[in-house]
Amino acid sequence: MDSLLSFVDYACTPEEVQQHFQSCGTVNRVTILTDKFGQPKGFAYVEFVEIDAVQNALLLNESELHGRQLKVSAKRTNIPGMKQYRGRRPNPFGFRGRSPSCLGLLSIPHMVMGKGRNLL
């Protein structure tokens, strides 16, 4: 079972996070999330061996590590087959692709609407 940590100090090491949560139960792994350049994003996952350890970790919500107040929450798990369907919103222009404003169809100053005459 995993816990998600938010507001983790960028200088924190996995060992320091593990030491902070060792009183909750046996820590299997600590993963500090990084961006594509390898810089910490301020989030971490703590994986525990025991399921009950997550409940203990939640008690450390708002505790301090490296002078920053942590936010601890249970990791959300996706349920297979329960993809959230949002559906499509109806297109007011009646076709897919670019909207008429992108094609320049809404701002034709030299045409009179419905007449097709050139005023210039």
N, C-alpha and C. Protein backbone atom coordinates (compact mmCIF):
# COMPACT_ATOMS: atom_id res chain seq x y z
N MET A 1 0.84 -1.18 0.00
CA MET A 1 0.00 0.00 0.00
C MET A 1 0.88 1.24 0.00
N ASP A 2 0.43 2.29 -0.68
CA ASP A 2 1.23 3.50 -0.81
C ASP A 2 0.55 4.71 -0.18
N SER A 3 1.39 5.67 0.19
CA SER A 3 0.92 6.98 0.61
C SER A 3 1.52 8.01 -0.32
N LEU A 4 0.77 9.05 -0.61
CA LEU A 4 1.26 10.14 -1.44
C LEU A 4 1.61 11.30 -0.53
N LEU A 5 2.80 11.86 -0.72
CA LEU A 5 3.24 13.02 0.05
C LEU A 5 3.29 14.22 -0.87
N SER A 6 2.77 15.33 -0.41
CA SER A 6 2.86 16.59 -1.15
C SER A 6 3.67 17.58 -0.33
N PHE A 7 4.19 18.58 -0.99
CA PHE A 7 4.98 19.65 -0.38
C PHE A 7 6.29 19.12 0.22
N VAL A 8 6.88 18.14 -0.45
CA VAL A 8 8.16 17.59 0.00
C VAL A 8 9.27 18.56 -0.43
N ASP A 9 10.16 18.86 0.49
CA ASP A 9 11.27 19.77 0.19
C ASP A 9 12.13 19.17 -0.92
N TYR A 10 12.58 20.04 -1.83
CA TYR A 10 13.37 19.59 -2.98
C TYR A 10 14.70 18.96 -2.56
N ALA A 11 15.21 19.31 -1.39
CA ALA A 11 16.49 18.78 -0.93
C ALA A 11 16.35 17.46 -0.18
N CYS A 12 15.13 16.99 0.03
CA CYS A 12 14.89 15.74 0.77
C CYS A 12 15.42 14.53 -0.01
N THR A 13 16.00 13.61 0.71
CA THR A 13 16.45 12.35 0.10
C THR A 13 15.45 11.25 0.45
N PRO A 14 15.42 10.17 -0.32
CA PRO A 14 14.55 9.05 0.01
C PRO A 14 14.82 8.48 1.40
N GLU A 15 16.08 8.51 1.82
CA GLU A 15 16.44 7.99 3.14
C GLU A 15 15.82 8.82 4.25
N GLU A 16 15.79 10.15 4.07
CA GLU A 16 15.19 11.02 5.08
C GLU A 16 13.68 10.82 5.16
N VAL A 17 13.05 10.62 4.01
CA VAL A 17 11.61 10.37 3.99
C VAL A 17 11.32 9.03 4.68
N GLN A 18 12.15 8.03 4.38
CA GLN A 18 11.97 6.71 5.00
C GLN A 18 12.11 6.80 6.51
N GLN A 19 13.09 7.54 6.97
CA GLN A 19 13.31 7.68 8.41
C GLN A 19 12.12 8.41 9.06
N HIS A 20 11.54 9.38 8.36
CA HIS A 20 10.40 10.12 8.89
C HIS A 20 9.18 9.22 9.08
N PHE A 21 9.02 8.23 8.20
CA PHE A 21 7.84 7.36 8.23
C PHE A 21 8.09 5.97 8.80
N GLN A 22 9.27 5.71 9.32
CA GLN A 22 9.57 4.36 9.82
C GLN A 22 8.75 3.99 11.04
N SER A 23 8.26 4.98 11.79
CA SER A 23 7.43 4.68 12.96
C SER A 23 6.04 4.16 12.56
N CYS A 24 5.65 4.37 11.31
CA CYS A 24 4.32 3.94 10.83
C CYS A 24 4.28 2.46 10.49
N GLY A 25 5.41 1.92 10.08
CA GLY A 25 5.48 0.53 9.65
C GLY A 25 6.72 0.33 8.78
N THR A 26 6.85 -0.86 8.22
CA THR A 26 8.02 -1.17 7.40
C THR A 26 7.89 -0.50 6.04
N VAL A 27 8.85 0.38 5.74
CA VAL A 27 8.85 1.09 4.46
C VAL A 27 9.55 0.21 3.44
N ASN A 28 8.83 -0.13 2.38
CA ASN A 28 9.38 -0.96 1.31
C ASN A 28 10.17 -0.12 0.31
N ARG A 29 9.62 1.06 -0.05
CA ARG A 29 10.27 1.88 -1.06
C ARG A 29 9.79 3.32 -0.93
N VAL A 30 10.67 4.27 -1.25
CA VAL A 30 10.33 5.69 -1.32
C VAL A 30 10.67 6.16 -2.73
N THR A 31 9.70 6.77 -3.39
CA THR A 31 9.91 7.29 -4.74
C THR A 31 9.64 8.78 -4.72
N ILE A 32 10.67 9.57 -5.03
CA ILE A 32 10.52 11.02 -5.12
C ILE A 32 10.34 11.35 -6.60
N LEU A 33 9.21 11.96 -6.93
CA LEU A 33 8.90 12.26 -8.33
C LEU A 33 9.78 13.40 -8.84
N THR A 34 10.26 13.25 -10.07
CA THR A 34 11.11 14.27 -10.69
C THR A 34 10.56 14.63 -12.06
N ASP A 35 10.97 15.81 -12.55
CA ASP A 35 10.57 16.22 -13.89
C ASP A 35 11.53 15.60 -14.91
N LYS A 36 11.37 15.97 -16.19
CA LYS A 36 12.18 15.35 -17.24
C LYS A 36 13.65 15.73 -17.15
N PHE A 37 13.98 16.73 -16.34
CA PHE A 37 15.37 17.13 -16.15
C PHE A 37 15.98 16.54 -14.89
N GLY A 38 15.19 15.73 -14.16
CA GLY A 38 15.68 15.09 -12.94
C GLY A 38 15.52 15.94 -11.69
N GLN A 39 14.84 17.07 -11.80
CA GLN A 39 14.64 17.94 -10.65
C GLN A 39 13.39 17.49 -9.88
N PRO A 40 13.44 17.46 -8.55
CA PRO A 40 12.29 17.03 -7.75
C PRO A 40 11.07 17.92 -8.00
N LYS A 41 9.88 17.30 -7.99
CA LYS A 41 8.64 18.03 -8.21
C LYS A 41 7.92 18.39 -6.90
N GLY A 42 8.44 17.90 -5.76
CA GLY A 42 7.80 18.20 -4.48
C GLY A 42 6.79 17.16 -4.04
N PHE A 43 6.76 16.01 -4.74
CA PHE A 43 5.86 14.92 -4.39
C PHE A 43 6.67 13.65 -4.20
N ALA A 44 6.15 12.74 -3.37
CA ALA A 44 6.81 11.46 -3.16
C ALA A 44 5.77 10.40 -2.83
N TYR A 45 6.12 9.16 -3.14
CA TYR A 45 5.31 8.02 -2.75
C TYR A 45 6.10 7.22 -1.72
N VAL A 46 5.42 6.79 -0.68
CA VAL A 46 6.02 5.91 0.32
C VAL A 46 5.23 4.61 0.27
N GLU A 47 5.91 3.54 -0.07
CA GLU A 47 5.28 2.22 -0.15
C GLU A 47 5.59 1.44 1.12
N PHE A 48 4.54 0.96 1.76
CA PHE A 48 4.68 0.20 3.00
C PHE A 48 4.44 -1.28 2.74
N VAL A 49 5.03 -2.11 3.57
CA VAL A 49 4.81 -3.55 3.48
C VAL A 49 3.43 -3.90 4.04
N GLU A 50 3.10 -3.30 5.19
CA GLU A 50 1.82 -3.58 5.84
C GLU A 50 0.75 -2.60 5.36
N ILE A 51 -0.46 -3.08 5.19
CA ILE A 51 -1.58 -2.24 4.76
C ILE A 51 -1.94 -1.24 5.86
N ASP A 52 -1.87 -1.66 7.13
CA ASP A 52 -2.21 -0.79 8.26
C ASP A 52 -1.27 0.40 8.38
N ALA A 53 -0.09 0.29 7.82
CA ALA A 53 0.90 1.36 7.93
C ALA A 53 0.43 2.64 7.25
N VAL A 54 -0.39 2.52 6.21
CA VAL A 54 -0.90 3.71 5.52
C VAL A 54 -1.76 4.53 6.47
N GLN A 55 -2.61 3.86 7.26
CA GLN A 55 -3.43 4.58 8.23
C GLN A 55 -2.56 5.29 9.26
N ASN A 56 -1.47 4.64 9.67
CA ASN A 56 -0.54 5.28 10.60
C ASN A 56 0.15 6.48 9.95
N ALA A 57 0.47 6.35 8.66
CA ALA A 57 1.13 7.45 7.94
C ALA A 57 0.21 8.65 7.82
N LEU A 58 -1.09 8.40 7.70
CA LEU A 58 -2.04 9.51 7.60
C LEU A 58 -2.05 10.36 8.86
N LEU A 59 -1.65 9.76 9.98
CA LEU A 59 -1.56 10.50 11.25
C LEU A 59 -0.43 11.52 11.21
N LEU A 60 0.53 11.32 10.28
CA LEU A 60 1.64 12.26 10.15
C LEU A 60 1.32 13.40 9.18
N ASN A 61 0.06 13.51 8.78
CA ASN A 61 -0.34 14.63 7.94
C ASN A 61 -0.06 15.94 8.68
N GLU A 62 0.47 16.91 7.98
CA GLU A 62 0.84 18.23 8.51
C GLU A 62 2.05 18.17 9.44
N SER A 63 2.78 17.04 9.44
CA SER A 63 4.03 17.00 10.20
C SER A 63 5.10 17.71 9.37
N GLU A 64 6.21 18.08 10.03
CA GLU A 64 7.26 18.83 9.35
C GLU A 64 8.44 17.94 9.00
N LEU A 65 8.96 18.17 7.79
CA LEU A 65 10.18 17.51 7.33
C LEU A 65 10.98 18.55 6.57
N HIS A 66 12.19 18.80 7.00
CA HIS A 66 13.04 19.84 6.41
C HIS A 66 12.39 21.22 6.51
N GLY A 67 11.63 21.44 7.58
CA GLY A 67 11.01 22.73 7.78
C GLY A 67 9.77 22.98 6.94
N ARG A 68 9.30 21.97 6.23
CA ARG A 68 8.09 22.13 5.41
C ARG A 68 6.99 21.22 5.94
N GLN A 69 5.77 21.70 5.91
CA GLN A 69 4.64 20.94 6.40
C GLN A 69 4.16 19.99 5.29
N LEU A 70 4.23 18.69 5.58
CA LEU A 70 3.84 17.67 4.60
C LEU A 70 2.34 17.49 4.55
N LYS A 71 1.85 17.16 3.38
CA LYS A 71 0.46 16.74 3.24
C LYS A 71 0.52 15.26 2.88
N VAL A 72 -0.08 14.42 3.72
CA VAL A 72 -0.05 12.97 3.53
C VAL A 72 -1.46 12.50 3.17
N SER A 73 -1.55 11.73 2.10
CA SER A 73 -2.84 11.15 1.71
C SER A 73 -2.59 9.75 1.18
N ALA A 74 -3.63 8.92 1.23
CA ALA A 74 -3.51 7.57 0.69
C ALA A 74 -3.48 7.67 -0.83
N LYS A 75 -2.64 6.87 -1.44
CA LYS A 75 -2.53 6.89 -2.90
C LYS A 75 -3.83 6.40 -3.51
N ARG A 76 -4.31 7.14 -4.51
CA ARG A 76 -5.52 6.76 -5.23
C ARG A 76 -5.17 5.62 -6.16
N THR A 77 -5.98 4.57 -6.15
CA THR A 77 -5.73 3.45 -7.06
C THR A 77 -6.84 3.40 -8.09
N ASN A 78 -6.45 3.19 -9.33
CA ASN A 78 -7.42 3.07 -10.41
C ASN A 78 -8.00 1.68 -10.41
N ILE A 79 -9.30 1.60 -10.63
CA ILE A 79 -9.98 0.31 -10.71
C ILE A 79 -10.07 -0.07 -12.18
N PRO A 80 -9.54 -1.25 -12.56
CA PRO A 80 -9.59 -1.64 -13.96
C PRO A 80 -11.02 -1.67 -14.48
N GLY A 81 -11.21 -1.15 -15.68
CA GLY A 81 -12.52 -1.15 -16.30
C GLY A 81 -13.42 -0.01 -15.86
N MET A 82 -12.94 0.85 -15.00
CA MET A 82 -13.77 1.96 -14.51
C MET A 82 -13.25 3.29 -15.06
N LYS A 83 -12.98 3.31 -16.37
CA LYS A 83 -12.50 4.53 -16.98
C LYS A 83 -13.62 5.56 -16.95
N GLN A 84 -13.25 6.75 -16.57
CA GLN A 84 -14.23 7.82 -16.44
C GLN A 84 -14.55 8.34 -17.84
N TYR A 85 -15.81 8.24 -18.24
CA TYR A 85 -16.21 8.69 -19.56
C TYR A 85 -16.76 10.10 -19.46
N ARG A 86 -16.15 11.01 -20.19
CA ARG A 86 -16.60 12.39 -20.16
C ARG A 86 -17.48 12.74 -21.35
N GLY A 87 -17.37 11.97 -22.41
CA GLY A 87 -18.20 12.23 -23.58
C GLY A 87 -17.76 13.48 -24.33
N ARG A 88 -18.35 13.68 -25.48
CA ARG A 88 -18.03 14.85 -26.29
C ARG A 88 -19.08 15.92 -26.06
N ARG A 89 -18.62 17.14 -26.03
CA ARG A 89 -19.56 18.24 -26.00
C ARG A 89 -20.00 18.51 -27.44
N PRO A 90 -21.25 18.85 -27.65
CA PRO A 90 -21.71 19.11 -29.01
C PRO A 90 -21.00 20.33 -29.60
N ASN A 91 -20.63 20.22 -30.86
CA ASN A 91 -19.96 21.31 -31.55
C ASN A 91 -21.03 22.24 -32.11
N PRO A 92 -21.06 23.50 -31.70
CA PRO A 92 -22.10 24.41 -32.17
C PRO A 92 -22.01 24.72 -33.66
N PHE A 93 -20.87 24.39 -34.27
CA PHE A 93 -20.69 24.69 -35.69
C PHE A 93 -21.06 23.51 -36.57
N GLY A 94 -21.34 22.36 -35.96
CA GLY A 94 -21.85 21.22 -36.71
C GLY A 94 -20.83 20.40 -37.44
N PHE A 95 -19.55 20.68 -37.27
CA PHE A 95 -18.53 19.86 -37.91
C PHE A 95 -17.32 19.75 -37.01
N ARG A 96 -16.51 18.75 -37.27
CA ARG A 96 -15.29 18.56 -36.50
C ARG A 96 -14.17 19.36 -37.13
N GLY A 97 -13.14 19.55 -36.37
CA GLY A 97 -11.99 20.28 -36.91
C GLY A 97 -11.97 21.69 -36.37
N ARG A 98 -11.44 22.58 -37.17
CA ARG A 98 -11.29 23.96 -36.74
C ARG A 98 -12.63 24.68 -36.72
N SER A 99 -12.74 25.60 -35.78
CA SER A 99 -13.95 26.41 -35.73
C SER A 99 -13.89 27.46 -36.83
N PRO A 100 -15.02 27.99 -37.26
CA PRO A 100 -15.03 28.99 -38.33
C PRO A 100 -14.19 30.21 -38.01
N SER A 101 -14.06 30.58 -36.72
CA SER A 101 -13.25 31.75 -36.39
C SER A 101 -11.79 31.51 -36.72
N CYS A 102 -11.32 30.25 -36.59
CA CYS A 102 -9.94 29.94 -36.94
C CYS A 102 -9.74 30.00 -38.45
N LEU A 103 -10.78 29.75 -39.20
CA LEU A 103 -10.68 29.76 -40.65
C LEU A 103 -10.93 31.15 -41.22
N GLY A 104 -11.26 32.11 -40.39
CA GLY A 104 -11.50 33.46 -40.84
C GLY A 104 -12.90 33.68 -41.37
N LEU A 105 -13.85 32.80 -41.07
CA LEU A 105 -15.19 32.90 -41.63
C LEU A 105 -16.10 33.82 -40.83
N LEU A 106 -15.70 34.19 -39.63
CA LEU A 106 -16.57 35.04 -38.83
C LEU A 106 -16.28 36.52 -39.02
N SER A 107 -15.16 36.84 -39.61
CA SER A 107 -14.82 38.26 -39.78
C SER A 107 -14.51 38.54 -41.24
N ILE A 108 -15.57 38.69 -42.02
CA ILE A 108 -15.41 39.04 -43.42
C ILE A 108 -16.05 40.41 -43.60
N PRO A 109 -15.27 41.48 -43.48
CA PRO A 109 -15.86 42.82 -43.47
C PRO A 109 -16.43 43.24 -44.82
N HIS A 110 -15.97 42.69 -45.91
CA HIS A 110 -16.41 43.15 -47.22
C HIS A 110 -17.62 42.39 -47.77
N MET A 111 -18.15 41.46 -47.00
CA MET A 111 -19.30 40.70 -47.46
C MET A 111 -20.52 41.09 -46.62
N VAL A 112 -21.65 41.22 -47.25
CA VAL A 112 -22.90 41.45 -46.54
C VAL A 112 -23.49 40.08 -46.29
N MET A 113 -23.87 39.82 -45.04
CA MET A 113 -24.34 38.51 -44.68
C MET A 113 -25.58 38.12 -45.48
N GLY A 114 -25.51 36.99 -46.15
CA GLY A 114 -26.63 36.47 -46.89
C GLY A 114 -26.75 37.03 -48.31
N LYS A 115 -25.99 38.05 -48.67
CA LYS A 115 -26.12 38.66 -49.98
C LYS A 115 -25.01 38.22 -50.94
N GLY A 116 -23.78 38.06 -50.42
CA GLY A 116 -22.68 37.65 -51.27
C GLY A 116 -22.16 38.78 -52.15
N ARG A 117 -22.51 40.03 -51.87
CA ARG A 117 -22.02 41.17 -52.65
C ARG A 117 -20.75 41.71 -52.06
N ASN A 118 -19.87 42.18 -52.88
CA ASN A 118 -18.65 42.80 -52.42
C ASN A 118 -18.91 44.29 -52.28
N LEU A 119 -18.66 44.87 -51.12
CA LEU A 119 -18.92 46.30 -50.88
C LEU A 119 -17.74 47.16 -51.23
N LEU A 120 -16.58 46.59 -51.48
CA LEU A 120 -15.40 47.39 -51.80
C LEU A 120 -15.25 47.65 -53.26
